[in-house]
Every structure is written in structure tokens, then in C-alpha cells.
C-alpha atoms as a PDB file:
ATOM      1  CA  MET A   1      -0.081  -0.182   0.122  1.00  0.00           C
ATOM      2  CA  ARG A   2       1.608   3.168  -1.174  1.00  0.00           C
ATOM      3  CA  GLY A   3       2.313   5.720   1.514  1.00  0.00           C
ATOM      4  CA  ARG A   4       1.622   9.296   2.518  1.00  0.00           C
ATOM      5  CA  PHE A   5       4.106  12.032   0.998  1.00  0.00           C
ATOM      6  CA  ILE A   6       3.605  15.473   3.408  1.00  0.00           C
ATOM      7  CA  THR A   7       5.635  18.369   2.917  1.00  0.00           C
ATOM      8  CA  LEU A   8       6.251  21.232   5.574  1.00  0.00           C
ATOM      9  CA  GLU A   9       6.509  24.738   4.055  1.00  0.00           C
ATOM     10  CA  GLY A  10       6.663  28.560   5.508  1.00  0.00           C
ATOM     11  CA  ILE A  11       9.599  31.291   5.515  1.00  0.00           C
ATOM     12  CA  ASP A  12      12.244  31.086   7.220  1.00  0.00           C
ATOM     13  CA  GLY A  13      12.179  31.047  11.486  1.00  0.00           C
ATOM     14  CA  ALA A  14       8.240  29.547  10.867  1.00  0.00           C
ATOM     15  CA  GLY A  15       8.921  26.468  12.644  1.00  0.00           C
ATOM     16  CA  LYS A  16       9.506  23.447  10.116  1.00  0.00           C
ATOM     17  CA  SER A  17      12.083  21.614  12.143  1.00  0.00           C
ATOM     18  CA  THR A  18      10.483  21.552  15.151  1.00  0.00           C
ATOM     19  CA  HIS A  19       7.337  20.870  13.932  1.00  0.00           C
ATOM     20  CA  LEU A  20       8.534  18.260  11.718  1.00  0.00           C
ATOM     21  CA  ARG A  21      10.117  16.159  14.502  1.00  0.00           C
ATOM     22  CA  TRP A  22       6.882  16.392  16.091  1.00  0.00           C
ATOM     23  CA  ILE A  23       4.726  14.764  13.439  1.00  0.00           C
ATOM     24  CA  ALA A  24       7.362  12.193  12.802  1.00  0.00           C
ATOM     25  CA  ARG A  25       6.953  11.345  16.097  1.00  0.00           C
ATOM     26  CA  PHE A  26       2.829  11.213  16.022  1.00  0.00           C
ATOM     27  CA  LEU A  27       2.629   9.041  12.777  1.00  0.00           C
ATOM     28  CA  MET A  28       5.401   6.733  14.517  1.00  0.00           C
ATOM     29  CA  ASP A  29       3.156   6.361  17.437  1.00  0.00           C
ATOM     30  CA  HIS A  30      -0.062   5.550  15.393  1.00  0.00           C
ATOM     31  CA  GLY A  31       1.694   3.208  13.350  1.00  0.00           C
ATOM     32  CA  ARG A  32       3.206   4.130  10.466  1.00  0.00           C
ATOM     33  CA  LYS A  33       6.840   3.760   8.846  1.00  0.00           C
ATOM     34  CA  VAL A  34       8.225   7.030   8.651  1.00  0.00           C
ATOM     35  CA  MET A  35      10.979   8.492   6.415  1.00  0.00           C
ATOM     36  CA  VAL A  36      12.022  12.076   6.920  1.00  0.00           C
ATOM     37  CA  THR A  37      13.711  14.048   4.126  1.00  0.00           C
ATOM     38  CA  ARG A  38      14.537  17.855   3.004  1.00  0.00           C
ATOM     39  CA  GLU A  39      15.275  20.086   0.341  1.00  0.00           C
ATOM     40  CA  PRO A  40      17.534  21.015  -0.996  1.00  0.00           C
ATOM     41  CA  GLY A  41      18.868  17.791   0.095  1.00  0.00           C
ATOM     42  CA  GLY A  42      17.615  14.105   0.511  1.00  0.00           C
ATOM     43  CA  THR A  43      20.761  12.809  -1.975  1.00  0.00           C
ATOM     44  CA  ALA A  44      24.298  13.156  -2.196  1.00  0.00           C
ATOM     45  CA  VAL A  45      24.017  15.526  -5.057  1.00  0.00           C
ATOM     46  CA  GLY A  46      21.069  17.227  -3.330  1.00  0.00           C
ATOM     47  CA  GLU A  47      23.162  17.823   0.032  1.00  0.00           C
ATOM     48  CA  LYS A  48      26.137  19.449  -2.347  1.00  0.00           C
ATOM     49  CA  LEU A  49      23.517  21.447  -4.011  1.00  0.00           C
ATOM     50  CA  ARG A  50      21.920  22.762  -0.340  1.00  0.00           C
ATOM     51  CA  GLY A  51      25.941  24.132   0.197  1.00  0.00           C
ATOM     52  CA  LEU A  52      26.093  25.764  -3.183  1.00  0.00           C
ATOM     53  CA  VAL A  53      22.565  27.573  -2.439  1.00  0.00           C
ATOM     54  CA  LEU A  54      22.576  28.490   1.155  1.00  0.00           C
ATOM     55  CA  ARG A  55      26.272  28.916   2.081  1.00  0.00           C
ATOM     56  CA  GLY A  56      27.729  29.567  -1.046  1.00  0.00           C
ATOM     57  CA  ASN A  57      28.018  33.730  -2.186  1.00  0.00           C
ATOM     58  CA  HIS A  58      28.142  32.508  -6.169  1.00  0.00           C
ATOM     59  CA  GLY A  59      25.592  35.372  -7.588  1.00  0.00           C
ATOM     60  CA  LEU A  60      23.731  32.563  -9.325  1.00  0.00           C
ATOM     61  CA  ASN A  61      21.073  34.032 -11.588  1.00  0.00           C
ATOM     62  CA  PRO A  62      17.883  32.968 -10.342  1.00  0.00           C
ATOM     63  CA  GLU A  63      16.697  31.157 -13.169  1.00  0.00           C
ATOM     64  CA  THR A  64      19.989  28.808 -12.929  1.00  0.00           C
ATOM     65  CA  GLU A  65      19.335  28.308  -9.147  1.00  0.00           C
ATOM     66  CA  THR A  66      15.644  27.571 -10.470  1.00  0.00           C
ATOM     67  CA  LEU A  67      17.098  24.669 -12.758  1.00  0.00           C
ATOM     68  CA  LEU A  68      19.367  23.498 -10.009  1.00  0.00           C
ATOM     69  CA  MET A  69      16.716  23.068  -7.668  1.00  0.00           C
ATOM     70  CA  PHE A  70      14.533  20.965 -10.052  1.00  0.00           C
ATOM     71  CA  ALA A  71      17.429  18.861 -10.848  1.00  0.00           C
ATOM     72  CA  ALA A  72      18.183  17.989  -7.260  1.00  0.00           C
ATOM     73  CA  ARG A  73      14.575  17.707  -6.992  1.00  0.00           C
ATOM     74  CA  ARG A  74      14.168  15.005  -9.863  1.00  0.00           C
ATOM     75  CA  GLU A  75      17.303  12.995  -8.093  1.00  0.00           C
ATOM     76  CA  HIS A  76      15.719  13.159  -4.637  1.00  0.00           C
ATOM     77  CA  LEU A  77      12.127  11.784  -6.245  1.00  0.00           C
ATOM     78  CA  ASP A  78      13.939   9.173  -8.384  1.00  0.00           C
ATOM     79  CA  LYS A  79      16.168   7.782  -5.478  1.00  0.00           C
ATOM     80  CA  VAL A  80      14.382   8.582  -2.003  1.00  0.00           C
ATOM     81  CA  ILE A  81      11.138   9.968  -2.272  1.00  0.00           C
ATOM     82  CA  ILE A  82       9.256   7.672  -4.910  1.00  0.00           C
ATOM     83  CA  PRO A  83      10.809   4.192  -3.637  1.00  0.00           C
ATOM     84  CA  ALA A  84      10.049   5.152   0.164  1.00  0.00           C
ATOM     85  CA  LEU A  85       6.307   5.868  -1.129  1.00  0.00           C
ATOM     86  CA  ALA A  86       6.180   2.520  -2.847  1.00  0.00           C
ATOM     87  CA  ARG A  87       7.534   0.905   0.121  1.00  0.00           C
ATOM     88  CA  GLY A  88       4.754   1.997   2.199  1.00  0.00           C
ATOM     89  CA  HIS A  89       6.548   4.960   4.061  1.00  0.00           C
ATOM     90  CA  TRP A  90       5.308   8.210   5.088  1.00  0.00           C
ATOM     91  CA  VAL A  91       7.470  10.685   3.523  1.00  0.00           C
ATOM     92  CA  LEU A  92       7.879  14.249   5.375  1.00  0.00           C
ATOM     93  CA  CYS A  93       9.862  16.536   3.567  1.00  0.00           C
ATOM     94  CA  ASP A  94      10.858  20.128   4.866  1.00  0.00           C
ATOM     95  CA  ARG A  95      10.079  22.217   1.870  1.00  0.00           C
ATOM     96  CA  PHE A  96       9.010  21.011  -1.894  1.00  0.00           C
ATOM     97  CA  THR A  97       8.040  22.672  -5.593  1.00  0.00           C
ATOM     98  CA  ASP A  98       6.234  25.532  -3.319  1.00  0.00           C
ATOM     99  CA  ALA A  99       9.332  26.247  -1.922  1.00  0.00           C
ATOM    100  CA  THR A 100      10.667  26.868  -5.368  1.00  0.00           C
ATOM    101  CA  TYR A 101       7.486  29.148  -6.793  1.00  0.00           C
ATOM    102  CA  ALA A 102       8.535  31.090  -2.829  1.00  0.00           C
ATOM    103  CA  TYR A 103      11.660  31.566  -3.224  1.00  0.00           C
ATOM    104  CA  GLN A 104      13.282  31.807  -6.684  1.00  0.00           C
ATOM    105  CA  GLY A 105       9.868  32.888  -7.858  1.00  0.00           C
ATOM    106  CA  ALA A 106       8.457  35.814  -5.561  1.00  0.00           C
ATOM    107  CA  GLY A 107      11.581  36.237  -3.887  1.00  0.00           C
ATOM    108  CA  SER A 108      14.284  36.143  -6.337  1.00  0.00           C
ATOM    109  CA  GLY A 109      12.509  36.932  -9.447  1.00  0.00           C
ATOM    110  CA  THR A 110      11.682  33.468 -11.602  1.00  0.00           C
ATOM    111  CA  ASP A 111       8.846  33.670 -14.013  1.00  0.00           C
ATOM    112  CA  TRP A 112       6.242  31.190 -12.362  1.00  0.00           C
ATOM    113  CA  LYS A 113       5.275  30.248 -15.939  1.00  0.00           C
ATOM    114  CA  LYS A 114       9.018  28.780 -16.006  1.00  0.00           C
ATOM    115  CA  ILE A 115       8.608  27.112 -12.633  1.00  0.00           C
ATOM    116  CA  GLY A 116       5.130  25.396 -13.843  1.00  0.00           C
ATOM    117  CA  LEU A 117       6.863  24.369 -16.890  1.00  0.00           C
ATOM    118  CA  LEU A 118       9.684  22.528 -15.108  1.00  0.00           C
ATOM    119  CA  GLU A 119       6.961  21.142 -12.282  1.00  0.00           C
ATOM    120  CA  ARG A 120       4.941  19.331 -14.987  1.00  0.00           C
ATOM    121  CA  TRP A 121       8.283  17.937 -16.511  1.00  0.00           C
ATOM    122  CA  VAL A 122       9.877  16.802 -13.177  1.00  0.00           C
ATOM    123  CA  HIS A 123       6.970  15.818 -11.573  1.00  0.00           C
ATOM    124  CA  ASP A 124       3.581  16.037 -12.677  1.00  0.00           C
ATOM    125  CA  GLY A 125       2.665  12.377 -11.711  1.00  0.00           C
ATOM    126  CA  LEU A 126       3.336  13.248  -8.288  1.00  0.00           C
ATOM    127  CA  GLN A 127       2.038  15.881  -6.033  1.00  0.00           C
ATOM    128  CA  PRO A 128       2.232  15.600  -2.199  1.00  0.00           C
ATOM    129  CA  ASP A 129      -1.135  14.300  -0.242  1.00  0.00           C
ATOM    130  CA  LEU A 130      -0.653  16.991   1.901  1.00  0.00           C
ATOM    131  CA  THR A 131       1.184  20.313   2.329  1.00  0.00           C
ATOM    132  CA  ILE A 132       1.494  22.105   5.901  1.00  0.00           C
ATOM    133  CA  LEU A 133       2.251  25.963   5.288  1.00  0.00           C
ATOM    134  CA  LEU A 134       3.385  27.079   8.741  1.00  0.00           C
ATOM    135  CA  ASP A 135       2.402  30.864   8.532  1.00  0.00           C
ATOM    136  CA  VAL A 136       3.871  33.743  10.521  1.00  0.00           C
ATOM    137  CA  SER A 137       4.774  37.279   9.870  1.00  0.00           C
ATOM    138  CA  PRO A 138       8.582  37.979   8.218  1.00  0.00           C
ATOM    139  CA  ALA A 139       9.054  40.181  11.342  1.00  0.00           C
ATOM    140  CA  VAL A 140       8.541  36.929  13.630  1.00  0.00           C
ATOM    141  CA  GLY A 141      10.122  34.911  11.070  1.00  0.00           C
ATOM    142  CA  ARG A 142      13.403  36.994  10.541  1.00  0.00           C
ATOM    143  CA  GLN A 143      12.873  37.396  14.451  1.00  0.00           C
ATOM    144  CA  ARG A 144      13.859  33.701  15.076  1.00  0.00           C
ATOM    145  CA  ALA A 145      16.216  33.459  12.540  1.00  0.00           C
ATOM    146  CA  ARG A 146      18.830  35.648  14.075  1.00  0.00           C
ATOM    147  CA  ARG A 147      18.999  33.362  16.776  1.00  0.00           C
ATOM    148  CA  ARG A 148      20.915  31.430  14.900  1.00  0.00           C
ATOM    149  CA  GLN A 149      24.586  31.141  14.552  1.00  0.00           C
ATOM    150  CA  GLN A 150      25.201  31.009  10.798  1.00  0.00           C
ATOM    151  CA  PRO A 151      22.102  31.980   8.963  1.00  0.00           C
ATOM    152  CA  ASP A 152      22.365  31.050   5.721  1.00  0.00           C
ATOM    153  CA  ARG A 153      22.180  33.605   2.270  1.00  0.00           C
ATOM    154  CA  PHE A 154      18.277  33.434   2.340  1.00  0.00           C
ATOM    155  CA  GLU A 155      18.178  34.106   6.367  1.00  0.00           C
ATOM    156  CA  ARG A 156      19.817  37.437   5.474  1.00  0.00           C
ATOM    157  CA  GLU A 157      17.564  38.947   2.868  1.00  0.00           C
ATOM    158  CA  LYS A 158      15.716  41.960   4.020  1.00  0.00           C
ATOM    159  CA  GLY A 159      12.061  41.963   5.041  1.00  0.00           C
ATOM    160  CA  ALA A 160      10.785  43.223   1.683  1.00  0.00           C
ATOM    161  CA  TYR A 161      11.814  39.246   0.577  1.00  0.00           C
ATOM    162  CA  TYR A 162       9.919  37.708   3.012  1.00  0.00           C
ATOM    163  CA  ARG A 163       7.033  39.921   2.595  1.00  0.00           C
ATOM    164  CA  ARG A 164       7.454  38.409  -1.101  1.00  0.00           C
ATOM    165  CA  VAL A 165       7.914  34.865  -0.102  1.00  0.00           C
ATOM    166  CA  ARG A 166       4.955  34.875   2.414  1.00  0.00           C
ATOM    167  CA  ASN A 167       2.911  36.537   0.243  1.00  0.00           C
ATOM    168  CA  ALA A 168       3.464  33.948  -2.797  1.00  0.00           C
ATOM    169  CA  TYR A 169       2.994  31.000  -0.023  1.00  0.00           C
ATOM    170  CA  LEU A 170      -0.713  32.203   0.645  1.00  0.00           C
ATOM    171  CA  ARG A 171      -0.819  32.455  -2.849  1.00  0.00           C
ATOM    172  CA  ARG A 172       0.240  28.991  -3.826  1.00  0.00           C
ATOM    173  CA  ALA A 173      -2.372  27.778  -0.559  1.00  0.00           C
ATOM    174  CA  ARG A 174      -5.497  29.898  -2.146  1.00  0.00           C
ATOM    175  CA  ALA A 175      -5.028  28.270  -5.446  1.00  0.00           C
ATOM    176  CA  ASN A 176      -4.066  24.619  -3.840  1.00  0.00           C
ATOM    177  CA  SER A 177      -6.844  24.853  -0.963  1.00  0.00           C
ATOM    178  CA  ARG A 178      -7.206  21.100  -0.885  1.00  0.00           C
ATOM    179  CA  ARG A 179      -3.690  19.738  -0.192  1.00  0.00           C
ATOM    180  CA  VAL A 180      -2.327  23.224   1.541  1.00  0.00           C
ATOM    181  CA  ARG A 181      -3.446  23.561   5.202  1.00  0.00           C
ATOM    182  CA  VAL A 182      -2.322  26.931   6.394  1.00  0.00           C
ATOM    183  CA  ILE A 183      -1.164  26.790  10.302  1.00  0.00           C
ATOM    184  CA  ASP A 184      -0.772  30.005  12.306  1.00  0.00           C
ATOM    185  CA  ALA A 185       2.561  29.287  13.549  1.00  0.00           C
ATOM    186  CA  GLY A 186       2.667  32.353  15.961  1.00  0.00           C
ATOM    187  CA  ARG A 187       0.574  30.629  18.433  1.00  0.00           C
ATOM    188  CA  SER A 188       2.158  28.078  21.235  1.00  0.00           C
ATOM    189  CA  LEU A 189       3.371  24.895  20.143  1.00  0.00           C
ATOM    190  CA  PRO A 190      -0.041  23.125  22.130  1.00  0.00           C
ATOM    191  CA  GLU A 191      -2.188  25.290  20.340  1.00  0.00           C
ATOM    192  CA  ILE A 192      -0.159  24.166  17.044  1.00  0.00           C
ATOM    193  CA  HIS A 193       0.363  20.399  17.832  1.00  0.00           C
ATOM    194  CA  LYS A 194      -3.549  20.105  18.475  1.00  0.00           C
ATOM    195  CA  GLU A 195      -4.482  21.659  15.328  1.00  0.00           C
ATOM    196  CA  LEU A 196      -1.734  19.447  13.622  1.00  0.00           C
ATOM    197  CA  GLU A 197      -2.991  16.679  15.134  1.00  0.00           C
ATOM    198  CA  GLU A 198      -6.366  16.928  13.920  1.00  0.00           C
ATOM    199  CA  ILE A 199      -5.618  17.657  10.584  1.00  0.00           C
ATOM    200  CA  LEU A 200      -3.552  14.139  10.484  1.00  0.00           C
ATOM    201  CA  LEU A 201      -6.038  12.252  11.885  1.00  0.00           C
ATOM    202  CA  THR A 202      -7.597  12.719   9.082  1.00  0.00           C
ATOM    203  CA  TYR A 203      -5.081  11.186   6.930  1.00  0.00           C
ATOM    204  CA  CYS A 204      -4.048   8.309   9.067  1.00  0.00           C
END
């Protein structure tokens, strides 16, 4: 029986890592086999790209960066995500294609139509079963992100950049309302976990 594919999205500082761990434990407690992965990353190629994009200072053209993201995504799907789903695992992924629309698209200026062409080419037959969008204001997200010892390139961006990214995420949520569930991530952890539990139980 095919597993479920769940992605977590949100601007930097939304709390994805914290909630990803909680969701993994929740699903395992309900008898699901869970695999946690991330983008960019998940494969040897993807992790090299992660270092290039997040830690580098190469001044990549936004379209070049977009193409690299989708090249790594194709490897991730082929080597990790699709095989895990076929084995019946529930795959939890920190970011997926919605992030490309938000960051490389709205944030950096790549045309959404071009991203859509790549999306259809790379994974037209596969979309997440559920996307959880952890939504916080750019001010809150940046405040949280600043606590990290080594902020990456995206975390160092200005407030206007994050407003564009957040608005793009919300636009994607409106356009994909059956797949994307928006969670107010500015609340307390117990409140967020209660809502996540209600959502996840409909899939379990």
C-alpha cells in the first residue's frame, strides 16, 4: 500500500524543523513507517547543492538556481521519495516545489510560468498528499532566524524579500486549497500541535 507524501513549508523561522520532528513522532506512534527528508538535500547531489545555494556567495542567476533546484528534486524523487512511498513509508519532506515558487519565484524573480513548466516535467504525476504551511509574519520569522549562529543566505535577506515569499506561499495555498493547510505558527506549541493532530488524524 502506497505511503503518504507530506511536505512542510513556510518562511525561515516558521518552525518547520520543530514541527517536522513532532509530526514524525506522532505518525510513528500511530503505527506508520516514517522517512524524514529535506530540500534542497536528501541525496548526495542534493546536499552538495544545498551547500552551494545556502552557504555560497556565487551570485547565481535566479533561473540558474531554479534549474539546479529541479535537477536535485528529480534525483530526490527518483532515489528517495518515490521508492519510500512504494514501500509504504510516509515521507515527510522539509520543503518541496512550493518553496521554489516562493523563494526562487516571488523572492528572486523567476517567472512562475517557467517554474510551472519544470514542475510538470519533473513530477507531473506526483504531488504531495498534504502540505502544511506554517505561516508567521516576516518580522517574527526573521527574529527567530537571527537566533541561529550561522544564518544562511536566505535568512540574511531583507524584510521586503520575506514579504514576497510569504505572499507567494499564501497565494499557492489559495490556489491549492485541497492540498495545502495553513497553520498559524505564531501561537504556542500546544495550540499548533492540537491543530496538526486534527489534520493528521484525517489522513491516518
